[in-house]
Protein backbone atom coordinates (compact mmCIF):
# COMPACT_ATOMS: atom_id res chain seq x y z
CA MET A 1 5.06 -16.65 15.23
CA SER A 2 3.56 -20.55 15.95
CA PRO A 3 4.48 -22.92 12.99
CA ASN A 4 0.94 -23.20 12.23
CA LEU A 5 0.13 -19.87 11.93
CA SER A 6 3.05 -19.23 9.55
CA ARG A 7 1.95 -21.98 7.75
CA GLU A 8 -1.49 -20.72 7.38
CA LYS A 9 -0.32 -17.10 6.11
CA GLN A 10 2.23 -18.75 3.65
CA GLU A 11 -0.72 -21.03 2.45
CA ILE A 12 -3.02 -17.65 1.92
CA ARG A 13 0.26 -16.06 0.07
CA GLU A 14 0.91 -18.66 -2.77
CA ARG A 15 -2.87 -18.57 -3.34
CA MET A 16 -3.31 -14.80 -3.72
CA ARG A 17 0.00 -14.87 -5.92
CA ALA A 18 -1.68 -17.57 -8.17
CA ILE A 19 -4.44 -15.49 -8.47
CA ARG A 20 -3.34 -12.36 -9.10
CA GLN A 21 -0.47 -13.61 -11.25
CA ALA A 22 -3.04 -15.01 -13.42
CA LEU A 23 -4.66 -11.65 -14.15
CA SER A 24 -4.16 -10.24 -17.38
CA PRO A 25 -2.14 -6.66 -17.98
CA GLU A 26 -5.58 -5.53 -19.15
CA ASP A 27 -7.61 -6.79 -15.93
CA VAL A 28 -4.74 -4.95 -13.68
CA GLU A 29 -5.07 -1.88 -15.76
CA ARG A 30 -9.05 -1.86 -15.63
CA ALA A 31 -9.43 -2.51 -11.78
CA SER A 32 -6.97 -0.48 -10.91
CA TYR A 33 -8.23 2.37 -12.62
CA LYS A 34 -11.46 1.92 -10.87
CA VAL A 35 -9.43 1.31 -7.47
CA ALA A 36 -8.23 5.21 -7.92
CA ARG A 37 -11.79 6.55 -8.75
CA PHE A 38 -12.81 5.52 -5.55
CA VAL A 39 -9.88 6.54 -3.98
CA LEU A 40 -10.00 9.96 -5.18
CA ASP A 41 -13.54 9.92 -3.83
CA GLN A 42 -12.55 9.36 -0.25
CA GLU A 43 -13.27 12.38 2.01
CA GLU A 44 -10.08 11.78 3.98
CA VAL A 45 -8.30 11.31 0.87
CA GLY A 46 -9.53 15.26 -0.11
CA GLU A 47 -8.61 16.32 3.16
CA SER A 48 -4.78 15.11 3.39
CA GLY A 49 -1.92 17.35 2.37
CA THR A 50 0.45 14.65 2.94
CA ILE A 51 -0.02 11.04 1.03
CA CYS A 52 2.36 8.32 1.20
CA SER A 53 2.18 5.82 -1.87
CA TYR A 54 3.48 2.54 -2.48
CA ALA A 55 5.18 2.32 -5.86
CA SER A 56 3.33 -0.72 -7.67
CA VAL A 57 4.90 -3.23 -9.09
CA GLY A 58 3.88 -6.29 -11.20
CA LYS A 59 0.48 -6.95 -10.66
CA GLU A 60 -0.30 -5.33 -7.47
CA VAL A 61 -3.02 -2.26 -7.93
CA GLN A 62 -1.25 0.27 -10.21
CA THR A 63 -1.13 3.48 -8.19
CA ARG A 64 0.55 5.97 -10.70
CA PHE A 65 -2.97 7.41 -11.52
CA LEU A 66 -2.91 8.16 -8.07
CA VAL A 67 0.42 9.65 -7.86
CA ARG A 68 -0.04 11.61 -10.80
CA SER A 69 -3.37 13.15 -9.81
CA PHE A 70 -1.86 13.70 -6.27
CA LEU A 71 1.15 15.75 -7.68
CA ARG A 72 -1.38 17.91 -9.94
CA SER A 73 -3.81 18.84 -7.01
CA GLY A 74 -0.45 19.92 -5.08
CA LYS A 75 -0.31 17.43 -2.54
CA ARG A 76 2.58 16.27 -1.25
CA VAL A 77 3.55 12.72 -2.48
CA ILE A 78 5.69 10.52 -0.34
CA ILE A 79 7.37 7.12 -1.57
CA PRO A 80 8.74 4.42 0.63
CA ASP A 81 12.58 4.11 0.47
CA TRP A 82 12.43 0.07 0.43
CA GLU A 83 15.55 -0.35 -1.15
CA GLY A 84 17.39 2.05 1.42
CA TRP A 85 15.54 -0.29 3.91
CA CYS A 86 17.08 -3.42 2.21
CA GLN A 87 20.80 -1.65 2.54
CA GLY A 88 20.51 -1.04 6.13
CA SER A 89 19.59 2.71 6.20
CA GLY A 90 16.41 2.00 8.31
CA VAL A 91 12.69 2.78 7.28
CA ARG A 92 12.54 6.27 5.38
CA VAL A 93 10.22 8.02 3.31
CA VAL A 94 10.97 10.27 0.71
CA GLN A 95 9.24 13.17 -0.59
CA ILE A 96 9.11 13.52 -5.11
CA SER A 97 7.95 16.23 -7.04
CA SER A 98 7.23 14.46 -9.99
CA GLU A 99 6.63 11.17 -11.79
CA GLU A 100 10.44 10.75 -13.07
CA ASP A 101 11.44 10.51 -9.08
CA ILE A 102 10.37 7.41 -9.47
CA LEU A 103 12.99 5.38 -10.51
CA THR A 104 12.33 1.83 -11.81
CA GLU A 105 15.71 0.64 -14.44
CA GLY A 106 17.31 -2.21 -12.87
CA ARG A 107 15.19 -2.63 -9.70
CA ILE A 108 13.03 -4.91 -8.13
CA VAL A 109 10.77 -2.49 -6.76
CA PRO A 110 10.46 1.12 -7.81
CA GLN A 111 12.60 3.48 -5.82
CA PRO A 112 11.84 7.31 -5.08
CA ARG A 113 14.96 9.24 -6.04
CA VAL A 114 16.68 10.23 -2.62
CA LEU A 115 18.38 13.11 -1.74
CA GLU A 116 18.80 14.40 1.94
CA GLU A 117 16.70 17.13 1.78
CA SER A 118 13.46 15.00 0.18
CA ILE A 119 13.59 12.39 3.19
CA ILE A 120 10.55 13.28 5.88
CA PRO A 121 9.60 11.95 9.23
CA VAL A 122 6.87 9.34 8.82
CA GLU A 123 4.66 11.33 11.37
CA GLU A 124 4.15 14.36 9.04
CA ILE A 125 2.19 11.74 6.54
CA GLU A 126 -1.52 12.17 7.05
CA LEU A 127 -2.73 9.08 4.73
CA PHE A 128 -0.95 5.90 3.84
CA LEU A 129 -2.03 4.01 0.67
CA VAL A 130 -0.87 0.45 1.49
CA PRO A 131 -0.17 -3.05 -0.51
CA GLY A 132 -1.32 -6.47 0.54
CA LEU A 133 -2.00 -10.07 -0.84
CA ALA A 134 -4.88 -10.31 1.45
CA PHE A 135 -7.08 -8.24 3.64
CA ASP A 136 -10.04 -9.10 5.96
CA ARG A 137 -13.12 -7.18 7.40
CA SER A 138 -11.34 -6.17 10.41
CA GLY A 139 -8.46 -4.17 8.34
CA ASN A 140 -5.74 -7.16 9.12
CA ARG A 141 -3.49 -7.24 5.88
CA LEU A 142 -1.10 -10.12 4.86
CA GLY A 143 1.94 -8.62 3.07
CA MET A 144 4.52 -10.41 1.13
CA GLY A 145 6.19 -11.33 4.30
CA GLY A 146 9.35 -9.23 4.39
CA GLY A 147 7.46 -6.72 7.33
CA TYR A 148 8.57 -3.67 5.93
CA PHE A 149 5.05 -2.02 5.72
CA ASP A 150 4.10 -2.86 9.53
CA ARG A 151 7.57 -1.25 10.60
CA LEU A 152 6.46 1.47 8.41
CA LEU A 153 3.10 2.06 9.84
CA LYS A 154 4.09 1.35 13.49
CA LEU A 155 6.00 4.79 12.84
CA ALA A 156 2.73 6.57 11.47
CA ALA A 157 1.15 9.21 13.64
CA PRO A 158 -1.68 8.06 15.74
CA GLU A 159 -4.56 10.36 13.69
CA ALA A 160 -3.07 9.01 10.04
CA THR A 161 -5.48 7.29 8.01
CA LEU A 162 -4.44 3.92 6.66
CA ILE A 163 -6.04 2.76 3.73
CA GLY A 164 -5.55 -0.61 1.95
CA LEU A 165 -5.62 -1.01 -1.79
CA GLY A 166 -6.62 -4.47 -3.82
CA PHE A 167 -8.40 -6.44 -5.90
CA GLU A 168 -11.84 -7.65 -4.84
CA PHE A 169 -10.83 -11.46 -4.77
CA GLN A 170 -8.13 -9.98 -1.76
CA LEU A 171 -10.86 -9.58 0.31
CA LEU A 172 -11.48 -12.31 3.14
CA LYS A 173 -13.29 -12.96 5.54
CA SER A 174 -10.62 -13.47 8.39
CA LEU A 175 -7.18 -13.54 7.91
CA PRO A 176 -4.41 -14.92 11.02
CA ALA A 177 -3.39 -12.01 12.72
CA GLU A 178 -0.06 -11.50 15.33
CA THR A 179 -0.08 -8.65 17.92
CA HIS A 180 2.62 -6.79 15.59
CA ASP A 181 0.53 -6.70 12.33
CA VAL A 182 -1.06 -3.33 11.82
CA PRO A 183 -4.20 -3.03 10.47
CA VAL A 184 -5.67 -0.53 7.93
CA HIS A 185 -9.00 1.97 8.51
CA LYS A 186 -10.45 1.06 4.91
CA VAL A 187 -9.99 -1.53 2.07
CA VAL A 188 -10.51 -0.08 -1.46
CA THR A 189 -10.79 -2.35 -4.44
CA SER A 190 -12.48 -1.89 -7.70
CA VAL A 191 -16.05 -2.86 -6.48
CA ALA A 192 -16.38 -0.63 -3.16
CA ALA A 193 -14.77 1.57 -1.11
CA ARG A 194 -15.03 -0.22 2.67
CA SER A 195 -14.42 0.86 6.12
CA CYS A 196 -13.45 -2.13 8.05
CA GLY A 197 -16.38 -3.58 10.06
CA ASP A 198 -18.83 -2.67 6.91
CA PHE A 199 -17.53 -5.56 4.71
CA SER A 200 -20.99 -7.06 3.47
């Protein structure tokens, strides 16, 4: 990555973090619920039997409404094993059977309860819900900078649908992108669900 590109990405991250951090818990809750309603209205979501959702932390768009809905409707719900990746276990995803399988105590990022039989191949996932600090009209995504989700999404089946979740202020006209960045197909906010290329 060129120094200029790296600096530009970092400046956007810092700006987006500051705006997001200024949101009240009530604002986050209200907006997240609206995002969830739009997500559940998407045809791809209704047709997907196996969905991978990030486990939200801090003032990210909250995903617990969605996880609860997916479990109730009988979908296979998959959570990334971020902690395992940090500890050198590689990129793994884990199927949960209840909300209690998402562990939060003493963790930076909520973590799925990992059992050997609950680890599934990434290519079995039909749809991914992806966090980001910013998205653009082409589906480019700017994450926290660790590269975890880019590594995960590179393992996805070619036909899998990738949906980014964010607040409306996180939608930008364009983002600096590199060849290894994995774009999403749609971005959903509390205002609308947009296919990439359809931004107004």
